[in-house]
Amino acid sequence: MSNPRTARARGAAIERIAARWLEQQGLTLLGQNQHAKGGELDLVMQDGDTLVFVEVKHRESTRYGHPLETVTAQKQRRLVHAARVYLHRQQLSCPCRFDILAAIGTPPALTFEWVKAAFDAF
């Protein structure tokens, strides 16, 4: 069984790398690991006038499935709820979207698959 602290640190490192990669694609990082009751937002970024909530998923390989497959309907509902809490706390009213960034490999050899507007708030 893996150490939860080590897994959390590895996840945080992947999210930092992912944020840098998204910044190279033109997005601006606004926040990381934004907690809301019942959910957490990995990355909150700005893309032009749009606020982007990015769920980062990592796997060392796709042997046991693609990381994109792990964002289930239940996970999507938790992300939407966390985003609503974030918007309320920040007193924001702006266009938003939910992206998923799949990271595959082991740092520094990561490949990214970015799905913009992966799902809608329902």
N, C-alpha and C. Protein backbone atom coordinates (compact mmCIF):
# COMPACT_ATOMS: atom_id res chain seq x y z
N MET A 1 0.85 -1.19 0.00
CA MET A 1 0.00 0.00 0.00
C MET A 1 0.89 1.24 0.00
N SER A 2 0.55 2.22 -0.81
CA SER A 2 1.40 3.40 -0.91
C SER A 2 1.12 4.36 0.23
N ASN A 3 2.13 5.12 0.56
CA ASN A 3 2.04 6.11 1.62
C ASN A 3 1.19 7.28 1.12
N PRO A 4 0.10 7.64 1.87
CA PRO A 4 -0.75 8.74 1.41
C PRO A 4 -0.02 10.07 1.31
N ARG A 5 0.95 10.30 2.20
CA ARG A 5 1.72 11.55 2.13
C ARG A 5 2.54 11.61 0.85
N THR A 6 3.17 10.49 0.51
CA THR A 6 3.96 10.42 -0.71
C THR A 6 3.07 10.60 -1.93
N ALA A 7 1.91 9.95 -1.93
CA ALA A 7 0.97 10.07 -3.05
C ALA A 7 0.49 11.51 -3.17
N ARG A 8 0.21 12.16 -2.04
CA ARG A 8 -0.25 13.55 -2.07
C ARG A 8 0.83 14.47 -2.60
N ALA A 9 2.07 14.24 -2.17
CA ALA A 9 3.20 15.06 -2.65
C ALA A 9 3.41 14.84 -4.14
N ARG A 10 3.31 13.59 -4.60
CA ARG A 10 3.47 13.29 -6.02
C ARG A 10 2.36 13.97 -6.82
N GLY A 11 1.13 13.92 -6.31
CA GLY A 11 0.01 14.58 -6.97
C GLY A 11 0.20 16.08 -7.06
N ALA A 12 0.70 16.69 -5.98
CA ALA A 12 0.94 18.13 -5.97
C ALA A 12 2.03 18.49 -6.97
N ALA A 13 3.06 17.66 -7.08
CA ALA A 13 4.14 17.92 -8.04
C ALA A 13 3.61 17.84 -9.47
N ILE A 14 2.77 16.84 -9.76
CA ILE A 14 2.19 16.69 -11.09
C ILE A 14 1.31 17.91 -11.41
N GLU A 15 0.54 18.37 -10.42
CA GLU A 15 -0.32 19.54 -10.64
C GLU A 15 0.51 20.79 -10.92
N ARG A 16 1.65 20.96 -10.26
CA ARG A 16 2.52 22.12 -10.53
C ARG A 16 3.05 22.06 -11.97
N ILE A 17 3.48 20.87 -12.39
CA ILE A 17 3.98 20.69 -13.76
C ILE A 17 2.85 20.96 -14.75
N ALA A 18 1.66 20.46 -14.45
CA ALA A 18 0.49 20.66 -15.31
C ALA A 18 0.15 22.14 -15.43
N ALA A 19 0.22 22.86 -14.32
CA ALA A 19 -0.08 24.30 -14.33
C ALA A 19 0.92 25.04 -15.21
N ARG A 20 2.19 24.68 -15.09
CA ARG A 20 3.21 25.32 -15.94
C ARG A 20 2.95 25.02 -17.42
N TRP A 21 2.58 23.78 -17.72
CA TRP A 21 2.30 23.39 -19.10
C TRP A 21 1.11 24.19 -19.64
N LEU A 22 0.06 24.32 -18.84
CA LEU A 22 -1.12 25.09 -19.27
C LEU A 22 -0.78 26.57 -19.44
N GLU A 23 0.10 27.09 -18.60
CA GLU A 23 0.55 28.48 -18.75
C GLU A 23 1.27 28.66 -20.09
N GLN A 24 2.04 27.64 -20.49
CA GLN A 24 2.72 27.70 -21.80
C GLN A 24 1.71 27.67 -22.94
N GLN A 25 0.50 27.16 -22.67
CA GLN A 25 -0.56 27.13 -23.69
C GLN A 25 -1.37 28.42 -23.67
N GLY A 26 -1.02 29.36 -22.77
CA GLY A 26 -1.68 30.66 -22.76
C GLY A 26 -2.63 30.92 -21.61
N LEU A 27 -2.82 29.95 -20.71
CA LEU A 27 -3.70 30.17 -19.57
C LEU A 27 -2.93 30.84 -18.43
N THR A 28 -3.65 31.45 -17.49
CA THR A 28 -3.05 32.09 -16.32
C THR A 28 -3.53 31.38 -15.07
N LEU A 29 -2.61 30.98 -14.22
CA LEU A 29 -2.95 30.28 -12.99
C LEU A 29 -3.49 31.27 -11.96
N LEU A 30 -4.66 30.97 -11.42
CA LEU A 30 -5.27 31.79 -10.38
C LEU A 30 -5.23 31.11 -9.02
N GLY A 31 -5.26 29.78 -9.01
CA GLY A 31 -5.26 29.07 -7.73
C GLY A 31 -5.07 27.58 -7.93
N GLN A 32 -4.60 26.94 -6.85
CA GLN A 32 -4.41 25.49 -6.84
C GLN A 32 -5.06 24.91 -5.60
N ASN A 33 -5.56 23.69 -5.72
CA ASN A 33 -6.12 22.96 -4.59
C ASN A 33 -7.10 23.79 -3.78
N GLN A 34 -8.09 24.32 -4.47
CA GLN A 34 -9.14 25.10 -3.83
C GLN A 34 -10.16 24.13 -3.24
N HIS A 35 -10.26 24.12 -1.92
CA HIS A 35 -11.14 23.18 -1.23
C HIS A 35 -12.53 23.78 -1.02
N ALA A 36 -13.53 22.97 -1.24
CA ALA A 36 -14.91 23.32 -0.93
C ALA A 36 -15.53 22.07 -0.33
N LYS A 37 -16.49 22.24 0.53
CA LYS A 37 -17.11 21.08 1.17
C LYS A 37 -17.56 20.09 0.09
N GLY A 38 -17.05 18.89 0.16
CA GLY A 38 -17.44 17.86 -0.79
C GLY A 38 -16.61 17.80 -2.06
N GLY A 39 -15.62 18.68 -2.20
CA GLY A 39 -14.83 18.63 -3.41
C GLY A 39 -13.60 19.52 -3.36
N GLU A 40 -12.76 19.35 -4.36
CA GLU A 40 -11.54 20.14 -4.47
C GLU A 40 -11.31 20.46 -5.94
N LEU A 41 -10.85 21.67 -6.19
CA LEU A 41 -10.51 22.09 -7.54
C LEU A 41 -9.00 22.04 -7.66
N ASP A 42 -8.48 21.21 -8.58
CA ASP A 42 -7.03 21.08 -8.72
C ASP A 42 -6.40 22.39 -9.14
N LEU A 43 -6.88 22.94 -10.27
CA LEU A 43 -6.34 24.20 -10.79
C LEU A 43 -7.48 25.11 -11.19
N VAL A 44 -7.34 26.37 -10.84
CA VAL A 44 -8.27 27.39 -11.31
C VAL A 44 -7.44 28.32 -12.17
N MET A 45 -7.86 28.46 -13.44
CA MET A 45 -7.07 29.21 -14.40
C MET A 45 -7.96 30.17 -15.18
N GLN A 46 -7.32 31.11 -15.83
CA GLN A 46 -8.01 32.09 -16.67
C GLN A 46 -7.61 31.85 -18.12
N ASP A 47 -8.60 31.79 -19.00
CA ASP A 47 -8.35 31.67 -20.43
C ASP A 47 -9.15 32.78 -21.11
N GLY A 48 -8.50 33.92 -21.33
CA GLY A 48 -9.23 35.09 -21.85
C GLY A 48 -10.22 35.55 -20.81
N ASP A 49 -11.51 35.61 -21.20
CA ASP A 49 -12.56 36.03 -20.28
C ASP A 49 -13.16 34.86 -19.51
N THR A 50 -12.66 33.66 -19.75
CA THR A 50 -13.27 32.45 -19.19
C THR A 50 -12.47 31.94 -18.00
N LEU A 51 -13.19 31.63 -16.92
CA LEU A 51 -12.59 30.98 -15.76
C LEU A 51 -12.61 29.48 -16.03
N VAL A 52 -11.46 28.83 -15.87
CA VAL A 52 -11.34 27.42 -16.21
C VAL A 52 -11.00 26.61 -14.96
N PHE A 53 -11.84 25.62 -14.67
CA PHE A 53 -11.59 24.69 -13.58
C PHE A 53 -10.98 23.45 -14.21
N VAL A 54 -9.73 23.15 -13.84
CA VAL A 54 -9.00 22.05 -14.48
C VAL A 54 -8.84 20.90 -13.49
N GLU A 55 -9.32 19.74 -13.88
CA GLU A 55 -9.11 18.52 -13.12
C GLU A 55 -7.89 17.83 -13.73
N VAL A 56 -6.86 17.61 -12.92
CA VAL A 56 -5.64 16.97 -13.38
C VAL A 56 -5.67 15.51 -12.96
N LYS A 57 -5.49 14.63 -13.92
CA LYS A 57 -5.47 13.18 -13.66
C LYS A 57 -4.17 12.62 -14.18
N HIS A 58 -3.51 11.81 -13.35
CA HIS A 58 -2.20 11.26 -13.72
C HIS A 58 -2.20 9.75 -13.60
N ARG A 59 -1.55 9.14 -14.55
CA ARG A 59 -1.24 7.70 -14.50
C ARG A 59 0.15 7.54 -15.10
N GLU A 60 0.90 6.59 -14.54
CA GLU A 60 2.23 6.34 -15.10
C GLU A 60 2.13 5.67 -16.46
N SER A 61 1.05 4.91 -16.68
CA SER A 61 0.82 4.29 -17.99
C SER A 61 -0.68 4.12 -18.17
N THR A 62 -1.07 3.71 -19.35
CA THR A 62 -2.50 3.46 -19.61
C THR A 62 -2.83 1.98 -19.50
N ARG A 63 -1.92 1.22 -18.90
CA ARG A 63 -2.13 -0.23 -18.78
C ARG A 63 -3.47 -0.55 -18.12
N TYR A 64 -3.84 0.22 -17.11
CA TYR A 64 -5.10 -0.05 -16.39
C TYR A 64 -6.17 0.99 -16.73
N GLY A 65 -6.07 1.57 -17.90
CA GLY A 65 -7.06 2.55 -18.34
C GLY A 65 -6.46 3.93 -18.46
N HIS A 66 -7.13 4.75 -19.23
CA HIS A 66 -6.69 6.12 -19.48
C HIS A 66 -7.12 7.00 -18.30
N PRO A 67 -6.30 7.99 -17.92
CA PRO A 67 -6.69 8.85 -16.80
C PRO A 67 -8.00 9.61 -17.04
N LEU A 68 -8.33 9.89 -18.29
CA LEU A 68 -9.58 10.60 -18.57
C LEU A 68 -10.80 9.79 -18.12
N GLU A 69 -10.66 8.46 -18.11
CA GLU A 69 -11.77 7.59 -17.74
C GLU A 69 -12.14 7.70 -16.26
N THR A 70 -11.26 8.29 -15.46
CA THR A 70 -11.50 8.34 -14.02
C THR A 70 -12.40 9.50 -13.59
N VAL A 71 -12.74 10.38 -14.52
CA VAL A 71 -13.62 11.51 -14.18
C VAL A 71 -15.06 11.07 -14.46
N THR A 72 -15.64 10.42 -13.46
CA THR A 72 -16.98 9.86 -13.55
C THR A 72 -18.04 10.96 -13.40
N ALA A 73 -19.29 10.59 -13.62
CA ALA A 73 -20.40 11.55 -13.44
C ALA A 73 -20.43 12.04 -11.99
N GLN A 74 -20.17 11.16 -11.04
CA GLN A 74 -20.16 11.56 -9.63
C GLN A 74 -19.03 12.58 -9.38
N LYS A 75 -17.85 12.32 -9.94
CA LYS A 75 -16.73 13.25 -9.81
C LYS A 75 -17.08 14.59 -10.45
N GLN A 76 -17.73 14.55 -11.60
CA GLN A 76 -18.13 15.78 -12.27
C GLN A 76 -19.08 16.60 -11.39
N ARG A 77 -20.04 15.93 -10.75
CA ARG A 77 -20.97 16.63 -9.86
C ARG A 77 -20.22 17.30 -8.70
N ARG A 78 -19.23 16.62 -8.14
CA ARG A 78 -18.44 17.20 -7.03
C ARG A 78 -17.65 18.41 -7.53
N LEU A 79 -17.10 18.33 -8.73
CA LEU A 79 -16.35 19.46 -9.29
C LEU A 79 -17.26 20.66 -9.54
N VAL A 80 -18.44 20.40 -10.07
CA VAL A 80 -19.39 21.49 -10.32
C VAL A 80 -19.77 22.15 -9.00
N HIS A 81 -20.02 21.33 -7.98
CA HIS A 81 -20.36 21.89 -6.66
C HIS A 81 -19.21 22.73 -6.13
N ALA A 82 -17.99 22.22 -6.19
CA ALA A 82 -16.82 22.96 -5.70
C ALA A 82 -16.65 24.26 -6.48
N ALA A 83 -16.92 24.23 -7.79
CA ALA A 83 -16.80 25.43 -8.61
C ALA A 83 -17.84 26.47 -8.20
N ARG A 84 -19.06 26.02 -7.92
CA ARG A 84 -20.11 26.95 -7.48
C ARG A 84 -19.73 27.61 -6.16
N VAL A 85 -19.18 26.83 -5.24
CA VAL A 85 -18.73 27.37 -3.96
C VAL A 85 -17.62 28.39 -4.20
N TYR A 86 -16.68 28.05 -5.06
CA TYR A 86 -15.56 28.96 -5.38
C TYR A 86 -16.10 30.28 -5.95
N LEU A 87 -17.01 30.19 -6.91
CA LEU A 87 -17.57 31.39 -7.54
C LEU A 87 -18.30 32.25 -6.50
N HIS A 88 -19.03 31.60 -5.62
CA HIS A 88 -19.77 32.34 -4.58
C HIS A 88 -18.79 33.03 -3.62
N ARG A 89 -17.77 32.29 -3.17
CA ARG A 89 -16.77 32.87 -2.25
C ARG A 89 -16.04 34.04 -2.87
N GLN A 90 -15.73 33.92 -4.14
CA GLN A 90 -14.97 34.97 -4.84
C GLN A 90 -15.89 36.07 -5.39
N GLN A 91 -17.19 35.87 -5.23
CA GLN A 91 -18.20 36.80 -5.75
C GLN A 91 -17.99 37.07 -7.24
N LEU A 92 -17.86 35.97 -7.98
CA LEU A 92 -17.60 36.05 -9.42
C LEU A 92 -18.84 35.64 -10.21
N SER A 93 -19.03 36.30 -11.32
CA SER A 93 -20.05 35.92 -12.28
C SER A 93 -19.42 36.09 -13.66
N CYS A 94 -18.98 34.98 -14.23
CA CYS A 94 -18.26 35.04 -15.50
C CYS A 94 -18.42 33.71 -16.22
N PRO A 95 -18.08 33.68 -17.52
CA PRO A 95 -18.12 32.40 -18.23
C PRO A 95 -17.13 31.42 -17.60
N CYS A 96 -17.55 30.17 -17.49
CA CYS A 96 -16.69 29.14 -16.89
C CYS A 96 -16.71 27.90 -17.77
N ARG A 97 -15.66 27.11 -17.63
CA ARG A 97 -15.66 25.80 -18.27
C ARG A 97 -14.87 24.83 -17.41
N PHE A 98 -15.11 23.55 -17.66
CA PHE A 98 -14.43 22.47 -16.94
C PHE A 98 -13.56 21.71 -17.93
N ASP A 99 -12.25 21.73 -17.69
CA ASP A 99 -11.30 21.00 -18.52
C ASP A 99 -10.73 19.84 -17.73
N ILE A 100 -10.28 18.83 -18.45
CA ILE A 100 -9.54 17.73 -17.84
C ILE A 100 -8.19 17.67 -18.52
N LEU A 101 -7.14 17.58 -17.71
CA LEU A 101 -5.79 17.43 -18.24
C LEU A 101 -5.24 16.09 -17.77
N ALA A 102 -5.07 15.17 -18.72
CA ALA A 102 -4.51 13.86 -18.41
C ALA A 102 -3.00 13.94 -18.57
N ALA A 103 -2.29 13.50 -17.54
CA ALA A 103 -0.83 13.43 -17.57
C ALA A 103 -0.44 11.96 -17.51
N ILE A 104 0.35 11.54 -18.48
CA ILE A 104 0.77 10.13 -18.54
C ILE A 104 2.28 10.08 -18.56
N GLY A 105 2.83 9.21 -17.71
CA GLY A 105 4.27 9.04 -17.64
C GLY A 105 4.80 9.37 -16.26
N THR A 106 6.11 9.53 -16.18
CA THR A 106 6.79 9.85 -14.93
C THR A 106 7.62 11.11 -15.17
N PRO A 107 7.48 12.12 -14.29
CA PRO A 107 8.27 13.35 -14.49
C PRO A 107 9.75 13.03 -14.61
N PRO A 108 10.47 13.69 -15.49
CA PRO A 108 10.04 14.81 -16.34
C PRO A 108 9.42 14.37 -17.66
N ALA A 109 9.33 13.07 -17.91
CA ALA A 109 8.82 12.56 -19.20
C ALA A 109 7.31 12.37 -19.13
N LEU A 110 6.58 13.48 -19.11
CA LEU A 110 5.13 13.42 -19.09
C LEU A 110 4.57 13.84 -20.45
N THR A 111 3.51 13.18 -20.85
CA THR A 111 2.75 13.65 -22.01
C THR A 111 1.39 14.09 -21.50
N PHE A 112 0.84 15.11 -22.15
CA PHE A 112 -0.43 15.66 -21.70
C PHE A 112 -1.49 15.51 -22.78
N GLU A 113 -2.70 15.23 -22.34
CA GLU A 113 -3.86 15.23 -23.21
C GLU A 113 -4.88 16.16 -22.56
N TRP A 114 -5.19 17.26 -23.23
CA TRP A 114 -6.01 18.32 -22.67
C TRP A 114 -7.37 18.31 -23.34
N VAL A 115 -8.40 18.10 -22.56
CA VAL A 115 -9.77 18.13 -23.07
C VAL A 115 -10.44 19.39 -22.54
N LYS A 116 -10.63 20.35 -23.45
CA LYS A 116 -11.30 21.59 -23.08
C LYS A 116 -12.81 21.36 -23.07
N ALA A 117 -13.47 22.00 -22.11
CA ALA A 117 -14.92 21.87 -21.99
C ALA A 117 -15.32 20.40 -21.99
N ALA A 118 -14.67 19.64 -21.11
CA ALA A 118 -14.87 18.19 -21.05
C ALA A 118 -16.29 17.81 -20.65
N PHE A 119 -16.92 18.66 -19.84
CA PHE A 119 -18.31 18.43 -19.44
C PHE A 119 -18.91 19.75 -19.04
N ASP A 120 -20.23 19.76 -18.96
CA ASP A 120 -20.95 20.99 -18.60
C ASP A 120 -21.45 20.88 -17.17
N ALA A 121 -21.67 22.04 -16.54
CA ALA A 121 -22.36 22.05 -15.25
C ALA A 121 -23.81 21.65 -15.52
N PHE A 122 -24.33 20.81 -14.65
CA PHE A 122 -25.72 20.37 -14.87
C PHE A 122 -26.55 20.65 -13.66
